[in-house]
C-alpha cells in the first residue's frame, strides 16, 4: 500500500475565494507538479472556488509547469491573483505577460503562517 503524500500546498482559506501557498517554503520542483495539480484541482472543485489567491512569499523560482498550472486554472473560469512575488518572479510574469492576466498584490501572511494556518 502506498504512503499518502503530504500536501504540497498550504491552504490559508477555502471557499468561493480560496487562498493557497507554499507557507514560505521554497517552491516545489517539477517532479511534484502533478501532485500539486491534483491537490489544487480537488480543492477548487470541493469549494466551488471562483477566485484563487496564490501566495508566492519567499518563492525565488517558479517552474514553467507551475505557471502553466495557474494559466489552466484561469482557463477553468477561476480568477487567479498572485500575492508577494519576488522581483525575479515578477520579471518572469512580466516577460510571459501573465501579470496582465493575474493581478499581483502585496499581502502580509506572516501571522497566518506563524499560527500554522
PDB file of N, CA and C in Angstrom:
ATOM      1  N   UNK A   1       0.838  -1.172   0.000  1.00  0.00           N
ATOM      2  CA  UNK A   1       0.000   0.000   0.000  1.00  0.00           C
ATOM      3  C   UNK A   1       0.886   1.239   0.000  1.00  0.00           C
ATOM      4  N   UNK A   2       0.618   2.198  -0.869  1.00  0.00           N
ATOM      5  CA  UNK A   2       1.435   3.395  -0.985  1.00  0.00           C
ATOM      6  C   UNK A   2       1.145   4.349   0.168  1.00  0.00           C
ATOM      7  N   UNK A   3       2.198   5.029   0.623  1.00  0.00           N
ATOM      8  CA  UNK A   3       2.021   6.033   1.670  1.00  0.00           C
ATOM      9  C   UNK A   3       1.290   7.237   1.100  1.00  0.00           C
ATOM     10  N   UNK A   4       0.451   7.850   1.913  1.00  0.00           N
ATOM     11  CA  UNK A   4      -0.235   9.068   1.485  1.00  0.00           C
ATOM     12  C   UNK A   4       0.800  10.183   1.345  1.00  0.00           C
ATOM     13  N   UNK A   5       0.658  10.949   0.290  1.00  0.00           N
ATOM     14  CA  UNK A   5       1.570  12.057   0.052  1.00  0.00           C
ATOM     15  C   UNK A   5       1.180  13.237   0.941  1.00  0.00           C
ATOM     16  N   UNK A   6       2.161  13.890   1.573  1.00  0.00           N
ATOM     17  CA  UNK A   6       1.828  15.083   2.343  1.00  0.00           C
ATOM     18  C   UNK A   6       1.396  16.196   1.392  1.00  0.00           C
ATOM     19  N   UNK A   7       0.547  17.088   1.860  1.00  0.00           N
ATOM     20  CA  UNK A   7       0.113  18.165   0.970  1.00  0.00           C
ATOM     21  C   UNK A   7       1.281  19.057   0.572  1.00  0.00           C
ATOM     22  N   UNK A   8       1.290  19.467  -0.681  1.00  0.00           N
ATOM     23  CA  UNK A   8       2.330  20.364  -1.182  1.00  0.00           C
ATOM     24  C   UNK A   8       1.965  21.800  -0.838  1.00  0.00           C
ATOM     25  N   UNK A   9       0.684  22.109  -0.957  1.00  0.00           N
ATOM     26  CA  UNK A   9       0.214  23.472  -0.744  1.00  0.00           C
ATOM     27  C   UNK A   9      -0.371  23.631   0.653  1.00  0.00           C
ATOM     28  N   UNK A  10      -0.114  24.783   1.260  1.00  0.00           N
ATOM     29  CA  UNK A  10      -0.803  25.154   2.491  1.00  0.00           C
ATOM     30  C   UNK A  10      -2.086  25.861   2.088  1.00  0.00           C
ATOM     31  N   UNK A  11      -3.183  25.515   2.725  1.00  0.00           N
ATOM     32  CA  UNK A  11      -4.468  26.162   2.450  1.00  0.00           C
ATOM     33  C   UNK A  11      -4.688  27.200   3.537  1.00  0.00           C
ATOM     34  N   UNK A  12      -4.679  28.476   3.160  1.00  0.00           N
ATOM     35  CA  UNK A  12      -4.884  29.569   4.108  1.00  0.00           C
ATOM     36  C   UNK A  12      -6.371  29.832   4.297  1.00  0.00           C
ATOM     37  N   UNK A  13      -7.140  29.613   3.247  1.00  0.00           N
ATOM     38  CA  UNK A  13      -8.585  29.851   3.271  1.00  0.00           C
ATOM     39  C   UNK A  13      -9.194  29.025   2.151  1.00  0.00           C
ATOM     40  N   UNK A  14     -10.339  28.387   2.410  1.00  0.00           N
ATOM     41  CA  UNK A  14     -11.024  27.601   1.383  1.00  0.00           C
ATOM     42  C   UNK A  14     -12.463  28.073   1.278  1.00  0.00           C
ATOM     43  N   UNK A  15     -12.958  28.113   0.066  1.00  0.00           N
ATOM     44  CA  UNK A  15     -14.327  28.549  -0.179  1.00  0.00           C
ATOM     45  C   UNK A  15     -14.414  29.156  -1.564  1.00  0.00           C
ATOM     46  N   UNK A  16     -15.447  29.969  -1.815  1.00  0.00           N
ATOM     47  CA  UNK A  16     -15.545  30.622  -3.122  1.00  0.00           C
ATOM     48  C   UNK A  16     -14.286  31.430  -3.445  1.00  0.00           C
ATOM     49  N   UNK A  17     -13.671  32.018  -2.397  1.00  0.00           N
ATOM     50  CA  UNK A  17     -12.337  32.608  -2.528  1.00  0.00           C
ATOM     51  C   UNK A  17     -11.395  31.709  -1.748  1.00  0.00           C
ATOM     52  N   UNK A  18     -10.490  31.068  -2.455  1.00  0.00           N
ATOM     53  CA  UNK A  18      -9.539  30.142  -1.849  1.00  0.00           C
ATOM     54  C   UNK A  18      -8.148  30.744  -1.942  1.00  0.00           C
ATOM     55  N   UNK A  19      -7.393  30.664  -0.848  1.00  0.00           N
ATOM     56  CA  UNK A  19      -6.031  31.183  -0.824  1.00  0.00           C
ATOM     57  C   UNK A  19      -5.095  30.051  -0.420  1.00  0.00           C
ATOM     58  N   UNK A  20      -4.089  29.815  -1.253  1.00  0.00           N
ATOM     59  CA  UNK A  20      -3.110  28.760  -1.004  1.00  0.00           C
ATOM     60  C   UNK A  20      -1.709  29.329  -1.180  1.00  0.00           C
ATOM     61  N   UNK A  21      -0.735  28.588  -0.724  1.00  0.00           N
ATOM     62  CA  UNK A  21       0.651  28.990  -0.908  1.00  0.00           C
ATOM     63  C   UNK A  21       1.575  27.893  -0.444  1.00  0.00           C
ATOM     64  N   UNK A  22       2.845  28.222  -0.444  1.00  0.00           N
ATOM     65  CA  UNK A  22       3.854  27.260  -0.019  1.00  0.00           C
ATOM     66  C   UNK A  22       4.288  27.512   1.421  1.00  0.00           C
ATOM     67  N   UNK A  23       3.578  28.382   2.130  1.00  0.00           N
ATOM     68  CA  UNK A  23       3.867  28.630   3.540  1.00  0.00           C
ATOM     69  C   UNK A  23       5.252  29.175   3.789  1.00  0.00           C
ATOM     70  N   UNK A  24       5.777  29.937   2.841  1.00  0.00           N
ATOM     71  CA  UNK A  24       7.109  30.498   2.987  1.00  0.00           C
ATOM     72  C   UNK A  24       8.216  29.534   2.612  1.00  0.00           C
ATOM     73  N   UNK A  25       7.855  28.327   2.189  1.00  0.00           N
ATOM     74  CA  UNK A  25       8.851  27.342   1.756  1.00  0.00           C
ATOM     75  C   UNK A  25       9.231  27.615   0.306  1.00  0.00           C
ATOM     76  N   UNK A  26      10.395  27.150  -0.081  1.00  0.00           N
ATOM     77  CA  UNK A  26      10.814  27.272  -1.480  1.00  0.00           C
ATOM     78  C   UNK A  26       9.867  26.448  -2.340  1.00  0.00           C
ATOM     79  N   UNK A  27       9.681  26.874  -3.554  1.00  0.00           N
ATOM     80  CA  UNK A  27       8.714  26.249  -4.454  1.00  0.00           C
ATOM     81  C   UNK A  27       9.090  24.801  -4.755  1.00  0.00           C
ATOM     82  N   UNK A  28       8.069  24.034  -5.076  1.00  0.00           N
ATOM     83  CA  UNK A  28       8.249  22.628  -5.426  1.00  0.00           C
ATOM     84  C   UNK A  28       9.085  22.492  -6.690  1.00  0.00           C
ATOM     85  N   UNK A  29       9.644  21.311  -6.881  1.00  0.00           N
ATOM     86  CA  UNK A  29      10.324  21.046  -8.143  1.00  0.00           C
ATOM     87  C   UNK A  29       9.329  20.417  -9.111  1.00  0.00           C
ATOM     88  N   UNK A  30       9.731  20.306 -10.355  1.00  0.00           N
ATOM     89  CA  UNK A  30       8.817  19.811 -11.386  1.00  0.00           C
ATOM     90  C   UNK A  30       8.305  18.399 -11.109  1.00  0.00           C
ATOM     91  N   UNK A  31       9.056  17.594 -10.359  1.00  0.00           N
ATOM     92  CA  UNK A  31       8.617  16.220 -10.125  1.00  0.00           C
ATOM     93  C   UNK A  31       7.363  16.168  -9.255  1.00  0.00           C
ATOM     94  N   UNK A  32       7.104  17.197  -8.475  1.00  0.00           N
ATOM     95  CA  UNK A  32       5.920  17.226  -7.619  1.00  0.00           C
ATOM     96  C   UNK A  32       4.764  18.007  -8.230  1.00  0.00           C
ATOM     97  N   UNK A  33       4.930  18.477  -9.446  1.00  0.00           N
ATOM     98  CA  UNK A  33       3.913  19.323 -10.052  1.00  0.00           C
ATOM     99  C   UNK A  33       2.597  18.585 -10.264  1.00  0.00           C
ATOM    100  N   UNK A  34       2.643  17.323 -10.630  1.00  0.00           N
ATOM    101  CA  UNK A  34       1.393  16.586 -10.845  1.00  0.00           C
ATOM    102  C   UNK A  34       0.625  16.427  -9.531  1.00  0.00           C
ATOM    103  N   UNK A  35       1.331  16.214  -8.438  1.00  0.00           N
ATOM    104  CA  UNK A  35       0.678  16.124  -7.132  1.00  0.00           C
ATOM    105  C   UNK A  35       0.089  17.481  -6.738  1.00  0.00           C
ATOM    106  N   UNK A  36       0.814  18.539  -7.010  1.00  0.00           N
ATOM    107  CA  UNK A  36       0.319  19.889  -6.732  1.00  0.00           C
ATOM    108  C   UNK A  36      -0.952  20.156  -7.537  1.00  0.00           C
ATOM    109  N   UNK A  37      -0.934  19.786  -8.810  1.00  0.00           N
ATOM    110  CA  UNK A  37      -2.109  19.971  -9.675  1.00  0.00           C
ATOM    111  C   UNK A  37      -3.304  19.197  -9.113  1.00  0.00           C
ATOM    112  N   UNK A  38      -3.070  17.949  -8.748  1.00  0.00           N
ATOM    113  CA  UNK A  38      -4.145  17.101  -8.217  1.00  0.00           C
ATOM    114  C   UNK A  38      -4.754  17.714  -6.953  1.00  0.00           C
ATOM    115  N   UNK A  39      -3.899  18.136  -6.026  1.00  0.00           N
ATOM    116  CA  UNK A  39      -4.387  18.720  -4.781  1.00  0.00           C
ATOM    117  C   UNK A  39      -5.141  20.020  -5.032  1.00  0.00           C
ATOM    118  N   UNK A  40      -4.630  20.847  -5.932  1.00  0.00           N
ATOM    119  CA  UNK A  40      -5.279  22.120  -6.224  1.00  0.00           C
ATOM    120  C   UNK A  40      -6.633  21.907  -6.889  1.00  0.00           C
ATOM    121  N   UNK A  41      -6.712  20.996  -7.850  1.00  0.00           N
ATOM    122  CA  UNK A  41      -7.982  20.741  -8.539  1.00  0.00           C
ATOM    123  C   UNK A  41      -9.037  20.193  -7.574  1.00  0.00           C
ATOM    124  N   UNK A  42      -8.633  19.294  -6.685  1.00  0.00           N
ATOM    125  CA  UNK A  42      -9.571  18.767  -5.677  1.00  0.00           C
ATOM    126  C   UNK A  42     -10.112  19.896  -4.806  1.00  0.00           C
ATOM    127  N   UNK A  43      -9.230  20.761  -4.373  1.00  0.00           N
ATOM    128  CA  UNK A  43      -9.612  21.877  -3.513  1.00  0.00           C
ATOM    129  C   UNK A  43     -10.568  22.829  -4.228  1.00  0.00           C
ATOM    130  N   UNK A  44     -10.247  23.184  -5.460  1.00  0.00           N
ATOM    131  CA  UNK A  44     -11.083  24.124  -6.212  1.00  0.00           C
ATOM    132  C   UNK A  44     -12.476  23.553  -6.459  1.00  0.00           C
ATOM    133  N   UNK A  45     -12.542  22.271  -6.800  1.00  0.00           N
ATOM    134  CA  UNK A  45     -13.841  21.641  -7.062  1.00  0.00           C
ATOM    135  C   UNK A  45     -14.647  21.474  -5.778  1.00  0.00           C
ATOM    136  N   UNK A  46     -13.992  21.072  -4.698  1.00  0.00           N
ATOM    137  CA  UNK A  46     -14.693  20.828  -3.436  1.00  0.00           C
ATOM    138  C   UNK A  46     -15.338  22.094  -2.877  1.00  0.00           C
ATOM    139  N   UNK A  47     -14.755  23.247  -3.179  1.00  0.00           N
ATOM    140  CA  UNK A  47     -15.245  24.504  -2.609  1.00  0.00           C
ATOM    141  C   UNK A  47     -15.876  25.418  -3.648  1.00  0.00           C
ATOM    142  N   UNK A  48     -16.065  24.908  -4.860  1.00  0.00           N
ATOM    143  CA  UNK A  48     -16.650  25.706  -5.940  1.00  0.00           C
ATOM    144  C   UNK A  48     -15.987  27.084  -6.005  1.00  0.00           C
ATOM    145  N   UNK A  49     -14.659  27.058  -6.042  1.00  0.00           N
ATOM    146  CA  UNK A  49     -13.857  28.276  -5.996  1.00  0.00           C
ATOM    147  C   UNK A  49     -14.053  29.131  -7.241  1.00  0.00           C
ATOM    148  N   UNK A  50     -14.239  30.420  -7.019  1.00  0.00           N
ATOM    149  CA  UNK A  50     -14.361  31.403  -8.105  1.00  0.00           C
ATOM    150  C   UNK A  50     -13.108  32.266  -8.216  1.00  0.00           C
ATOM    151  N   UNK A  51     -12.422  32.475  -7.065  1.00  0.00           N
ATOM    152  CA  UNK A  51     -11.203  33.285  -7.023  1.00  0.00           C
ATOM    153  C   UNK A  51     -10.138  32.490  -6.274  1.00  0.00           C
ATOM    154  N   UNK A  52      -8.969  32.341  -6.897  1.00  0.00           N
ATOM    155  CA  UNK A  52      -7.831  31.667  -6.273  1.00  0.00           C
ATOM    156  C   UNK A  52      -6.747  32.695  -6.011  1.00  0.00           C
ATOM    157  N   UNK A  53      -6.360  32.819  -4.752  1.00  0.00           N
ATOM    158  CA  UNK A  53      -5.206  33.631  -4.387  1.00  0.00           C
ATOM    159  C   UNK A  53      -4.034  32.701  -4.150  1.00  0.00           C
ATOM    160  N   UNK A  54      -2.903  33.004  -4.780  1.00  0.00           N
ATOM    161  CA  UNK A  54      -1.732  32.132  -4.660  1.00  0.00           C
ATOM    162  C   UNK A  54      -0.592  32.925  -4.035  1.00  0.00           C
ATOM    163  N   UNK A  55      -0.198  32.535  -2.819  1.00  0.00           N
ATOM    164  CA  UNK A  55       0.868  33.215  -2.080  1.00  0.00           C
ATOM    165  C   UNK A  55       2.230  32.725  -2.562  1.00  0.00           C
ATOM    166  N   UNK A  56       3.041  33.653  -3.057  1.00  0.00           N
ATOM    167  CA  UNK A  56       4.380  33.322  -3.545  1.00  0.00           C
ATOM    168  C   UNK A  56       5.470  33.885  -2.634  1.00  0.00           C
ATOM    169  N   UNK A  57       5.128  34.160  -1.385  1.00  0.00           N
ATOM    170  CA  UNK A  57       6.100  34.685  -0.429  1.00  0.00           C
ATOM    171  C   UNK A  57       7.304  33.756  -0.333  1.00  0.00           C
ATOM    172  N   UNK A  58       8.503  34.328  -0.439  1.00  0.00           N
ATOM    173  CA  UNK A  58       9.787  33.614  -0.329  1.00  0.00           C
ATOM    174  C   UNK A  58      10.053  32.642  -1.470  1.00  0.00           C
ATOM    175  N   UNK A  59       9.259  32.676  -2.508  1.00  0.00           N
ATOM    176  CA  UNK A  59       9.500  31.832  -3.681  1.00  0.00           C
ATOM    177  C   UNK A  59      10.396  32.615  -4.636  1.00  0.00           C
ATOM    178  N   UNK A  60      11.576  32.082  -4.903  1.00  0.00           N
ATOM    179  CA  UNK A  60      12.519  32.782  -5.777  1.00  0.00           C
ATOM    180  C   UNK A  60      12.482  32.269  -7.205  1.00  0.00           C
ATOM    181  N   UNK A  61      11.986  31.061  -7.394  1.00  0.00           N
ATOM    182  CA  UNK A  61      11.971  30.428  -8.715  1.00  0.00           C
ATOM    183  C   UNK A  61      10.619  29.769  -8.917  1.00  0.00           C
ATOM    184  N   UNK A  62      10.033  29.993 -10.082  1.00  0.00           N
ATOM    185  CA  UNK A  62       8.747  29.368 -10.403  1.00  0.00           C
ATOM    186  C   UNK A  62       8.940  28.500 -11.641  1.00  0.00           C
ATOM    187  N   UNK A  63       8.789  27.181 -11.522  1.00  0.00           N
ATOM    188  CA  UNK A  63       8.918  26.319 -12.697  1.00  0.00           C
ATOM    189  C   UNK A  63       7.841  26.661 -13.729  1.00  0.00           C
ATOM    190  N   UNK A  64       8.177  26.491 -14.983  1.00  0.00           N
ATOM    191  CA  UNK A  64       7.218  26.800 -16.051  1.00  0.00           C
ATOM    192  C   UNK A  64       5.941  25.982 -15.896  1.00  0.00           C
ATOM    193  N   UNK A  65       6.053  24.785 -15.365  1.00  0.00           N
ATOM    194  CA  UNK A  65       4.867  23.952 -15.161  1.00  0.00           C
ATOM    195  C   UNK A  65       3.883  24.565 -14.180  1.00  0.00           C
ATOM    196  N   UNK A  66       4.395  25.260 -13.171  1.00  0.00           N
ATOM    197  CA  UNK A  66       3.505  25.922 -12.218  1.00  0.00           C
ATOM    198  C   UNK A  66       2.797  27.097 -12.883  1.00  0.00           C
ATOM    199  N   UNK A  67       3.513  27.825 -13.726  1.00  0.00           N
ATOM    200  CA  UNK A  67       2.871  28.914 -14.476  1.00  0.00           C
ATOM    201  C   UNK A  67       1.773  28.359 -15.375  1.00  0.00           C
ATOM    202  N   UNK A  68       2.050  27.233 -16.011  1.00  0.00           N
ATOM    203  CA  UNK A  68       1.044  26.587 -16.853  1.00  0.00           C
ATOM    204  C   UNK A  68      -0.159  26.131 -16.049  1.00  0.00           C
ATOM    205  N   UNK A  69       0.094  25.617 -14.850  1.00  0.00           N
ATOM    206  CA  UNK A  69      -0.996  25.196 -13.971  1.00  0.00           C
ATOM    207  C   UNK A  69      -1.887  26.382 -13.614  1.00  0.00           C
ATOM    208  N   UNK A  70      -1.280  27.499 -13.261  1.00  0.00           N
ATOM    209  CA  UNK A  70      -2.064  28.687 -12.914  1.00  0.00           C
ATOM    210  C   UNK A  70      -2.850  29.199 -14.116  1.00  0.00           C
ATOM    211  N   UNK A  71      -2.250  29.137 -15.290  1.00  0.00           N
ATOM    212  CA  UNK A  71      -2.962  29.548 -16.505  1.00  0.00           C
ATOM    213  C   UNK A  71      -4.132  28.608 -16.783  1.00  0.00           C
ATOM    214  N   UNK A  72      -3.951  27.312 -16.540  1.00  0.00           N
ATOM    215  CA  UNK A  72      -5.047  26.366 -16.785  1.00  0.00           C
ATOM    216  C   UNK A  72      -6.179  26.564 -15.779  1.00  0.00           C
ATOM    217  N   UNK A  73      -5.844  26.931 -14.544  1.00  0.00           N
ATOM    218  CA  UNK A  73      -6.876  27.238 -13.546  1.00  0.00           C
ATOM    219  C   UNK A  73      -7.684  28.439 -14.021  1.00  0.00           C
ATOM    220  N   UNK A  74      -6.996  29.433 -14.530  1.00  0.00           N
ATOM    221  CA  UNK A  74      -7.679  30.614 -15.066  1.00  0.00           C
ATOM    222  C   UNK A  74      -8.574  30.224 -16.241  1.00  0.00           C
ATOM    223  N   UNK A  75      -8.113  29.287 -17.051  1.00  0.00           N
ATOM    224  CA  UNK A  75      -8.895  28.799 -18.183  1.00  0.00           C
ATOM    225  C   UNK A  75     -10.156  28.055 -17.770  1.00  0.00           C
ATOM    226  N   UNK A  76     -10.208  27.620 -16.502  1.00  0.00           N
ATOM    227  CA  UNK A  76     -11.396  26.944 -15.964  1.00  0.00           C
ATOM    228  C   UNK A  76     -12.432  27.953 -15.471  1.00  0.00           C
ATOM    229  N   UNK A  77     -12.141  29.232 -15.656  1.00  0.00           N
ATOM    230  CA  UNK A  77     -13.072  30.262 -15.206  1.00  0.00           C
ATOM    231  C   UNK A  77     -12.837  30.733 -13.784  1.00  0.00           C
ATOM    232  N   UNK A  78     -11.706  30.352 -13.203  1.00  0.00           N
ATOM    233  CA  UNK A  78     -11.351  30.789 -11.855  1.00  0.00           C
ATOM    234  C   UNK A  78     -10.410  31.983 -11.988  1.00  0.00           C
ATOM    235  N   UNK A  79     -10.753  33.075 -11.323  1.00  0.00           N
ATOM    236  CA  UNK A  79      -9.901  34.262 -11.329  1.00  0.00           C
ATOM    237  C   UNK A  79      -8.692  33.981 -10.441  1.00  0.00           C
ATOM    238  N   UNK A  80      -7.483  34.247 -10.936  1.00  0.00           N
ATOM    239  CA  UNK A  80      -6.259  33.955 -10.193  1.00  0.00           C
ATOM    240  C   UNK A  80      -5.571  35.268  -9.811  1.00  0.00           C
ATOM    241  N   UNK A  81      -5.247  35.398  -8.522  1.00  0.00           N
ATOM    242  CA  UNK A  81      -4.492  36.544  -8.017  1.00  0.00           C
ATOM    243  C   UNK A  81      -3.194  36.014  -7.421  1.00  0.00           C
ATOM    244  N   UNK A  82      -2.103  36.729  -7.635  1.00  0.00           N
ATOM    245  CA  UNK A  82      -0.801  36.322  -7.122  1.00  0.00           C
ATOM    246  C   UNK A  82      -0.380  37.279  -6.018  1.00  0.00           C
ATOM    247  N   UNK A  83       0.098  36.712  -4.917  1.00  0.00           N
ATOM    248  CA  UNK A  83       0.492  37.512  -3.770  1.00  0.00           C
ATOM    249  C   UNK A  83       1.995  37.416  -3.539  1.00  0.00           C
ATOM    250  N   UNK A  84       2.631  38.564  -3.353  1.00  0.00           N
ATOM    251  CA  UNK A  84       4.016  38.684  -2.888  1.00  0.00           C
ATOM    252  C   UNK A  84       5.070  38.003  -3.759  1.00  0.00           C
ATOM    253  N   UNK A  85       4.995  38.108  -5.078  1.00  0.00           N
ATOM    254  CA  UNK A  85       6.066  37.508  -5.877  1.00  0.00           C
ATOM    255  C   UNK A  85       7.371  38.285  -5.689  1.00  0.00           C
ATOM    256  N   UNK A  86       8.485  37.565  -5.710  1.00  0.00           N
ATOM    257  CA  UNK A  86       9.803  38.193  -5.607  1.00  0.00           C
ATOM    258  C   UNK A  86      10.072  39.001  -6.878  1.00  0.00           C
ATOM    259  N   UNK A  87      11.080  39.869  -6.860  1.00  0.00           N
ATOM    260  CA  UNK A  87      11.419  40.610  -8.083  1.00  0.00           C
ATOM    261  C   UNK A  87      11.720  39.688  -9.268  1.00  0.00           C
ATOM    262  N   UNK A  88      12.411  38.573  -9.022  1.00  0.00           N
ATOM    263  CA  UNK A  88      12.712  37.639 -10.117  1.00  0.00           C
ATOM    264  C   UNK A  88      11.438  37.014 -10.676  1.00  0.00           C
ATOM    265  N   UNK A  89      10.527  36.639  -9.796  1.00  0.00           N
ATOM    266  CA  UNK A  89       9.263  36.044 -10.249  1.00  0.00           C
ATOM    267  C   UNK A  89       8.435  37.097 -10.984  1.00  0.00           C
ATOM    268  N   UNK A  90       8.450  38.331 -10.497  1.00  0.00           N
ATOM    269  CA  UNK A  90       7.744  39.416 -11.198  1.00  0.00           C
ATOM    270  C   UNK A  90       8.282  39.588 -12.617  1.00  0.00           C
ATOM    271  N   UNK A  91       9.611  39.491 -12.764  1.00  0.00           N
ATOM    272  CA  UNK A  91      10.215  39.602 -14.101  1.00  0.00           C
ATOM    273  C   UNK A  91       9.696  38.510 -15.025  1.00  0.00           C
ATOM    274  N   UNK A  92       9.620  37.287 -14.516  1.00  0.00           N
ATOM    275  CA  UNK A  92       9.109  36.169 -15.321  1.00  0.00           C
ATOM    276  C   UNK A  92       7.650  36.414 -15.690  1.00  0.00           C
ATOM    277  N   UNK A  93       6.862  36.875 -14.731  1.00  0.00           N
ATOM    278  CA  UNK A  93       5.446  37.149 -15.000  1.00  0.00           C
ATOM    279  C   UNK A  93       5.290  38.248 -16.046  1.00  0.00           C
ATOM    280  N   UNK A  94       6.146  39.260 -15.997  1.00  0.00           N
ATOM    281  CA  UNK A  94       6.082  40.339 -16.986  1.00  0.00           C
ATOM    282  C   UNK A  94       6.516  39.839 -18.360  1.00  0.00           C
ATOM    283  N   UNK A  95       7.576  39.044 -18.407  1.00  0.00           N
ATOM    284  CA  UNK A  95       8.079  38.515 -19.679  1.00  0.00           C
ATOM    285  C   UNK A  95       7.046  37.631 -20.358  1.00  0.00           C
ATOM    286  N   UNK A  96       6.336  36.838 -19.570  1.00  0.00           N
ATOM    287  CA  UNK A  96       5.323  35.927 -20.122  1.00  0.00           C
ATOM    288  C   UNK A  96       3.951  36.588 -20.261  1.00  0.00           C
ATOM    289  N   UNK A  97       3.853  37.843 -19.821  1.00  0.00           N
ATOM    290  CA  UNK A  97       2.602  38.620 -19.853  1.00  0.00           C
ATOM    291  C   UNK A  97       1.527  38.045 -18.935  1.00  0.00           C
ATOM    292  N   UNK A  98       1.911  37.144 -18.053  1.00  0.00           N
ATOM    293  CA  UNK A  98       0.932  36.609 -17.105  1.00  0.00           C
ATOM    294  C   UNK A  98       0.516  37.658 -16.080  1.00  0.00           C
ATOM    295  N   UNK A  99       1.361  38.676 -15.880  1.00  0.00           N
ATOM    296  CA  UNK A  99       0.987  39.748 -14.952  1.00  0.00           C
ATOM    297  C   UNK A  99      -0.203  40.550 -15.471  1.00  0.00           C
ATOM    298  N   UNK A 100      -0.491  40.442 -16.754  1.00  0.00           N
ATOM    299  CA  UNK A 100      -1.663  41.109 -17.332  1.00  0.00           C
ATOM    300  C   UNK A 100      -2.939  40.298 -17.092  1.00  0.00           C
ATOM    301  N   UNK A 101      -2.774  39.010 -16.864  1.00  0.00           N
ATOM    302  CA  UNK A 101      -3.916  38.110 -16.683  1.00  0.00           C
ATOM    303  C   UNK A 101      -4.207  37.794 -15.223  1.00  0.00           C
ATOM    304  N   UNK A 102      -3.184  37.928 -14.393  1.00  0.00           N
ATOM    305  CA  UNK A 102      -3.299  37.570 -12.976  1.00  0.00           C
ATOM    306  C   UNK A 102      -2.817  38.751 -12.142  1.00  0.00           C
ATOM    307  N   UNK A 103      -3.735  39.473 -11.503  1.00  0.00           N
ATOM    308  CA  UNK A 103      -3.330  40.637 -10.705  1.00  0.00           C
ATOM    309  C   UNK A 103      -2.337  40.257  -9.609  1.00  0.00           C
ATOM    310  N   UNK A 104      -1.400  41.165  -9.351  1.00  0.00           N
ATOM    311  CA  UNK A 104      -0.371  40.963  -8.333  1.00  0.00           C
ATOM    312  C   UNK A 104      -0.663  41.888  -7.155  1.00  0.00           C
ATOM    313  N   UNK A 105      -0.564  41.330  -5.943  1.00  0.00           N
ATOM    314  CA  UNK A 105      -0.839  42.091  -4.720  1.00  0.00           C
ATOM    315  C   UNK A 105       0.265  41.823  -3.702  1.00  0.00           C
ATOM    316  N   UNK A 106       0.480  42.785  -2.818  1.00  0.00           N
ATOM    317  CA  UNK A 106       1.355  42.599  -1.662  1.00  0.00           C
ATOM    318  C   UNK A 106       0.453  42.403  -0.445  1.00  0.00           C
ATOM    319  N   UNK A 107       0.565  41.252   0.201  1.00  0.00           N
ATOM    320  CA  UNK A 107      -0.287  40.897   1.336  1.00  0.00           C
ATOM    321  C   UNK A 107       0.597  40.299   2.429  1.00  0.00           C
ATOM    322  N   UNK A 108       0.343  40.657   3.682  1.00  0.00           N
ATOM    323  CA  UNK A 108       1.112  40.123   4.801  1.00  0.00           C
ATOM    324  C   UNK A 108       0.434  38.857   5.334  1.00  0.00           C
ATOM    325  N   UNK A 109       1.080  37.719   5.092  1.00  0.00           N
ATOM    326  CA  UNK A 109       0.564  36.435   5.576  1.00  0.00           C
ATOM    327  C   UNK A 109       1.359  35.922   6.772  1.00  0.00           C
ATOM    328  N   UNK A 110       2.293  36.705   7.299  1.00  0.00           N
ATOM    329  CA  UNK A 110       3.193  36.202   8.337  1.00  0.00           C
ATOM    330  C   UNK A 110       2.446  35.716   9.575  1.00  0.00           C
ATOM    331  N   UNK A 111       1.405  36.423  10.011  1.00  0.00           N
ATOM    332  CA  UNK A 111       0.681  35.974  11.200  1.00  0.00           C
ATOM    333  C   UNK A 111      -0.032  34.658  10.958  1.00  0.00           C
ATOM    334  N   UNK A 112      -0.531  34.449   9.765  1.00  0.00           N
ATOM    335  CA  UNK A 112      -1.234  33.209   9.420  1.00  0.00           C
ATOM    336  C   UNK A 112      -0.260  32.031   9.441  1.00  0.00           C
ATOM    337  N   UNK A 113       0.949  32.226   8.887  1.00  0.00           N
ATOM    338  CA  UNK A 113       1.940  31.148   8.860  1.00  0.00           C
ATOM    339  C   UNK A 113       2.454  30.854  10.268  1.00  0.00           C
ATOM    340  N   UNK A 114       2.619  31.900  11.091  1.00  0.00           N
ATOM    341  CA  UNK A 114       3.103  31.696  12.458  1.00  0.00           C
ATOM    342  C   UNK A 114       2.118  30.884  13.283  1.00  0.00           C
ATOM    343  N   UNK A 115       0.826  31.058  13.021  1.00  0.00           N
ATOM    344  CA  UNK A 115      -0.204  30.308  13.747  1.00  0.00           C
ATOM    345  C   UNK A 115      -0.413  28.921  13.160  1.00  0.00           C
ATOM    346  N   UNK A 116       0.226  28.635  12.018  1.00  0.00           N
ATOM    347  CA  UNK A 116       0.090  27.323  11.413  1.00  0.00           C
ATOM    348  C   UNK A 116      -1.169  27.153  10.604  1.00  0.00           C
ATOM    349  N   UNK A 117      -1.768  28.239  10.191  1.00  0.00           N
ATOM    350  CA  UNK A 117      -2.992  28.151   9.378  1.00  0.00           C
ATOM    351  C   UNK A 117      -2.635  27.968   7.930  1.00  0.00           C
TER     352      UNK A 117
END
